[in-house]
Amino acid sequence: MIRYRIDCHDITIAYLEIKDGMHRCIPVPEGLEHPDVQKVSIPYELKEGQDWGGPIPFLQNKINDAVRFGRENNIGSFTDPFRLVMIDE
């Protein structure tokens, strides 16, 4: 299983788990309530969570782009408030 911590402005807002092509998103309510995060448009799946199902397009596009450049452990950019950090287990 692959796990990512999803940060917005360096505040953890959710966790993404990927197993056998299935994705699950677990929101972190404390992070989502932070004033800096409230100013950003957050995809529904990150706010409400998603049980095991298909990939979340918003996140999958970021992962696909990072894999092409071999940077899937820490996905983000200076212009994007979102960062996905792979969690070692």
N, C-alpha and C. Protein backbone atom coordinates (compact mmCIF):
# COMPACT_ATOMS: atom_id res chain seq x y z
N MET A 1 0.84 -1.17 0.00
CA MET A 1 0.00 0.00 0.00
C MET A 1 0.89 1.24 0.00
N ILE A 2 0.46 2.24 -0.73
CA ILE A 2 1.14 3.53 -0.78
C ILE A 2 0.28 4.52 -0.01
N ARG A 3 0.91 5.30 0.85
CA ARG A 3 0.18 6.33 1.61
C ARG A 3 0.82 7.69 1.35
N TYR A 4 -0.04 8.67 1.16
CA TYR A 4 0.39 10.06 1.01
C TYR A 4 -0.29 10.91 2.07
N ARG A 5 0.46 11.83 2.61
CA ARG A 5 -0.10 12.89 3.45
C ARG A 5 -0.37 14.05 2.51
N ILE A 6 -1.56 14.60 2.55
CA ILE A 6 -1.91 15.72 1.68
C ILE A 6 -1.92 16.98 2.52
N ASP A 7 -1.04 17.92 2.15
CA ASP A 7 -0.93 19.18 2.85
C ASP A 7 -1.44 20.31 1.97
N CYS A 8 -1.98 21.33 2.62
CA CYS A 8 -2.36 22.57 1.95
C CYS A 8 -1.75 23.70 2.78
N HIS A 9 -0.88 24.47 2.18
CA HIS A 9 -0.14 25.51 2.91
C HIS A 9 0.55 24.92 4.14
N ASP A 10 1.18 23.76 3.98
CA ASP A 10 1.92 23.06 5.04
C ASP A 10 1.04 22.61 6.21
N ILE A 11 -0.26 22.49 5.98
CA ILE A 11 -1.20 22.01 6.99
C ILE A 11 -1.79 20.71 6.46
N THR A 12 -1.72 19.65 7.23
CA THR A 12 -2.25 18.35 6.79
C THR A 12 -3.77 18.41 6.75
N ILE A 13 -4.32 18.10 5.56
CA ILE A 13 -5.78 18.15 5.40
C ILE A 13 -6.40 16.78 5.12
N ALA A 14 -5.57 15.81 4.70
CA ALA A 14 -6.11 14.48 4.37
C ALA A 14 -4.96 13.49 4.18
N TYR A 15 -5.34 12.21 4.10
CA TYR A 15 -4.41 11.14 3.76
C TYR A 15 -4.99 10.38 2.58
N LEU A 16 -4.12 10.00 1.67
CA LEU A 16 -4.53 9.21 0.51
C LEU A 16 -3.84 7.85 0.60
N GLU A 17 -4.63 6.78 0.48
CA GLU A 17 -4.10 5.42 0.46
C GLU A 17 -4.40 4.82 -0.90
N ILE A 18 -3.40 4.14 -1.46
CA ILE A 18 -3.55 3.49 -2.77
C ILE A 18 -3.15 2.03 -2.62
N LYS A 19 -4.06 1.15 -3.01
CA LYS A 19 -3.79 -0.29 -2.90
C LYS A 19 -4.49 -1.00 -4.05
N ASP A 20 -3.72 -1.75 -4.82
CA ASP A 20 -4.26 -2.53 -5.94
C ASP A 20 -5.10 -1.67 -6.89
N GLY A 21 -4.66 -0.45 -7.15
CA GLY A 21 -5.36 0.44 -8.06
C GLY A 21 -6.56 1.14 -7.47
N MET A 22 -6.90 0.83 -6.22
CA MET A 22 -8.03 1.46 -5.55
C MET A 22 -7.49 2.59 -4.66
N HIS A 23 -8.27 3.66 -4.53
CA HIS A 23 -7.86 4.82 -3.75
C HIS A 23 -8.86 5.08 -2.63
N ARG A 24 -8.32 5.53 -1.49
CA ARG A 24 -9.16 5.93 -0.36
C ARG A 24 -8.60 7.23 0.18
N CYS A 25 -9.47 8.18 0.46
CA CYS A 25 -9.06 9.47 1.00
C CYS A 25 -9.69 9.65 2.38
N ILE A 26 -8.86 9.99 3.37
CA ILE A 26 -9.31 10.17 4.74
C ILE A 26 -9.04 11.63 5.13
N PRO A 27 -10.09 12.44 5.32
CA PRO A 27 -9.89 13.85 5.66
C PRO A 27 -9.40 14.03 7.10
N VAL A 28 -8.73 15.16 7.35
CA VAL A 28 -8.30 15.55 8.68
C VAL A 28 -9.07 16.83 9.02
N PRO A 29 -10.16 16.71 9.80
CA PRO A 29 -11.03 17.86 10.05
C PRO A 29 -10.30 19.07 10.64
N GLU A 30 -9.36 18.84 11.55
CA GLU A 30 -8.65 19.97 12.17
C GLU A 30 -7.91 20.79 11.11
N GLY A 31 -7.29 20.10 10.16
CA GLY A 31 -6.57 20.80 9.10
C GLY A 31 -7.49 21.54 8.16
N LEU A 32 -8.62 20.92 7.83
CA LEU A 32 -9.57 21.54 6.92
C LEU A 32 -10.21 22.79 7.51
N GLU A 33 -10.25 22.89 8.84
CA GLU A 33 -10.86 24.03 9.51
C GLU A 33 -9.88 25.19 9.69
N HIS A 34 -8.61 25.00 9.38
CA HIS A 34 -7.61 26.05 9.56
C HIS A 34 -7.95 27.24 8.65
N PRO A 35 -7.82 28.48 9.16
CA PRO A 35 -8.16 29.68 8.35
C PRO A 35 -7.42 29.78 7.02
N ASP A 36 -6.15 29.39 6.97
CA ASP A 36 -5.41 29.45 5.71
C ASP A 36 -5.96 28.47 4.68
N VAL A 37 -6.43 27.33 5.15
CA VAL A 37 -6.99 26.30 4.26
C VAL A 37 -8.37 26.72 3.78
N GLN A 38 -9.13 27.40 4.63
CA GLN A 38 -10.48 27.84 4.28
C GLN A 38 -10.49 28.77 3.06
N LYS A 39 -9.38 29.42 2.78
CA LYS A 39 -9.29 30.37 1.66
C LYS A 39 -9.07 29.67 0.31
N VAL A 40 -8.80 28.36 0.35
CA VAL A 40 -8.47 27.59 -0.86
C VAL A 40 -9.65 26.71 -1.25
N SER A 41 -9.87 26.57 -2.54
CA SER A 41 -10.90 25.66 -3.03
C SER A 41 -10.39 24.22 -2.91
N ILE A 42 -11.04 23.44 -2.06
CA ILE A 42 -10.63 22.07 -1.78
C ILE A 42 -11.59 21.12 -2.50
N PRO A 43 -11.07 20.15 -3.25
CA PRO A 43 -11.95 19.18 -3.91
C PRO A 43 -12.82 18.42 -2.90
N TYR A 44 -14.02 18.10 -3.33
CA TYR A 44 -15.01 17.43 -2.49
C TYR A 44 -14.45 16.17 -1.83
N GLU A 45 -13.73 15.34 -2.59
CA GLU A 45 -13.22 14.07 -2.06
C GLU A 45 -12.26 14.28 -0.91
N LEU A 46 -11.54 15.39 -0.90
CA LEU A 46 -10.61 15.67 0.19
C LEU A 46 -11.36 16.16 1.42
N LYS A 47 -12.42 16.92 1.20
CA LYS A 47 -13.20 17.44 2.33
C LYS A 47 -14.07 16.37 2.98
N GLU A 48 -14.73 15.58 2.15
CA GLU A 48 -15.70 14.61 2.66
C GLU A 48 -15.13 13.20 2.80
N GLY A 49 -14.00 12.95 2.16
CA GLY A 49 -13.42 11.62 2.19
C GLY A 49 -13.99 10.75 1.08
N GLN A 50 -13.29 9.68 0.80
CA GLN A 50 -13.73 8.72 -0.20
C GLN A 50 -13.32 7.34 0.27
N ASP A 51 -14.30 6.42 0.32
CA ASP A 51 -13.97 5.04 0.64
C ASP A 51 -13.30 4.43 -0.59
N TRP A 52 -12.83 3.20 -0.48
CA TRP A 52 -12.10 2.56 -1.58
C TRP A 52 -12.88 2.67 -2.88
N GLY A 53 -12.22 3.22 -3.88
CA GLY A 53 -12.85 3.38 -5.19
C GLY A 53 -11.81 3.79 -6.21
N GLY A 54 -12.26 4.36 -7.29
CA GLY A 54 -11.37 4.77 -8.36
C GLY A 54 -10.51 5.96 -7.94
N PRO A 55 -9.50 6.25 -8.75
CA PRO A 55 -8.62 7.37 -8.45
C PRO A 55 -9.38 8.70 -8.41
N ILE A 56 -8.89 9.62 -7.59
CA ILE A 56 -9.42 10.97 -7.50
C ILE A 56 -8.67 11.78 -8.55
N PRO A 57 -9.35 12.24 -9.60
CA PRO A 57 -8.65 12.90 -10.71
C PRO A 57 -7.71 14.03 -10.28
N PHE A 58 -8.14 14.86 -9.35
CA PHE A 58 -7.32 15.98 -8.88
C PHE A 58 -5.96 15.50 -8.38
N LEU A 59 -5.96 14.42 -7.62
CA LEU A 59 -4.72 13.88 -7.06
C LEU A 59 -3.98 13.00 -8.06
N GLN A 60 -4.72 12.22 -8.83
CA GLN A 60 -4.09 11.30 -9.77
C GLN A 60 -3.28 12.06 -10.82
N ASN A 61 -3.78 13.20 -11.28
CA ASN A 61 -3.02 14.00 -12.25
C ASN A 61 -1.69 14.45 -11.66
N LYS A 62 -1.69 14.87 -10.41
CA LYS A 62 -0.46 15.30 -9.75
C LYS A 62 0.52 14.12 -9.62
N ILE A 63 -0.01 12.96 -9.24
CA ILE A 63 0.84 11.76 -9.09
C ILE A 63 1.42 11.34 -10.43
N ASN A 64 0.58 11.31 -11.47
CA ASN A 64 1.06 10.91 -12.80
C ASN A 64 2.17 11.83 -13.29
N ASP A 65 1.99 13.14 -13.12
CA ASP A 65 3.02 14.09 -13.54
C ASP A 65 4.32 13.86 -12.77
N ALA A 66 4.23 13.62 -11.48
CA ALA A 66 5.42 13.42 -10.65
C ALA A 66 6.14 12.12 -11.02
N VAL A 67 5.40 11.06 -11.32
CA VAL A 67 6.00 9.77 -11.68
C VAL A 67 6.84 9.90 -12.94
N ARG A 68 6.37 10.70 -13.88
CA ARG A 68 7.13 10.89 -15.13
C ARG A 68 8.52 11.46 -14.87
N PHE A 69 8.65 12.24 -13.80
CA PHE A 69 9.94 12.86 -13.49
C PHE A 69 10.64 12.19 -12.31
N GLY A 70 10.09 11.06 -11.84
CA GLY A 70 10.71 10.33 -10.74
C GLY A 70 10.66 11.07 -9.41
N ARG A 71 9.61 11.83 -9.20
CA ARG A 71 9.49 12.63 -7.98
C ARG A 71 8.21 12.31 -7.21
N GLU A 72 7.83 11.06 -7.18
CA GLU A 72 6.56 10.71 -6.54
C GLU A 72 6.60 10.68 -5.02
N ASN A 73 7.77 10.89 -4.41
CA ASN A 73 7.87 10.88 -2.94
C ASN A 73 7.44 12.20 -2.32
N ASN A 74 7.59 13.29 -3.04
CA ASN A 74 7.23 14.61 -2.53
C ASN A 74 6.72 15.43 -3.71
N ILE A 75 5.40 15.49 -3.84
CA ILE A 75 4.77 16.07 -5.02
C ILE A 75 4.22 17.45 -4.69
N GLY A 76 4.68 18.44 -5.41
CA GLY A 76 4.18 19.79 -5.22
C GLY A 76 5.01 20.77 -6.02
N SER A 77 4.60 22.03 -5.95
CA SER A 77 5.35 23.09 -6.62
C SER A 77 5.19 24.36 -5.81
N PHE A 78 6.00 25.35 -6.15
CA PHE A 78 5.96 26.61 -5.42
C PHE A 78 4.66 27.38 -5.66
N THR A 79 4.02 27.15 -6.79
CA THR A 79 2.80 27.89 -7.12
C THR A 79 1.52 27.17 -6.71
N ASP A 80 1.63 25.95 -6.22
CA ASP A 80 0.47 25.14 -5.85
C ASP A 80 0.44 25.00 -4.33
N PRO A 81 -0.68 25.33 -3.67
CA PRO A 81 -0.73 25.21 -2.20
C PRO A 81 -0.77 23.76 -1.72
N PHE A 82 -1.02 22.81 -2.65
CA PHE A 82 -1.13 21.41 -2.26
C PHE A 82 0.20 20.68 -2.43
N ARG A 83 0.48 19.78 -1.49
CA ARG A 83 1.68 18.95 -1.55
C ARG A 83 1.28 17.55 -1.08
N LEU A 84 1.76 16.54 -1.81
CA LEU A 84 1.55 15.16 -1.41
C LEU A 84 2.91 14.60 -1.00
N VAL A 85 2.97 14.09 0.22
CA VAL A 85 4.21 13.56 0.76
C VAL A 85 4.02 12.09 1.04
N MET A 86 4.82 11.23 0.39
CA MET A 86 4.70 9.80 0.61
C MET A 86 5.14 9.46 2.02
N ILE A 87 4.35 8.62 2.68
CA ILE A 87 4.64 8.21 4.05
C ILE A 87 5.30 6.84 4.01
N ASP A 88 6.46 6.71 4.62
CA ASP A 88 7.13 5.42 4.72
C ASP A 88 6.49 4.61 5.82
N GLU A 89 6.24 3.33 5.51
CA GLU A 89 5.62 2.47 6.52
C GLU A 89 6.51 1.29 6.80
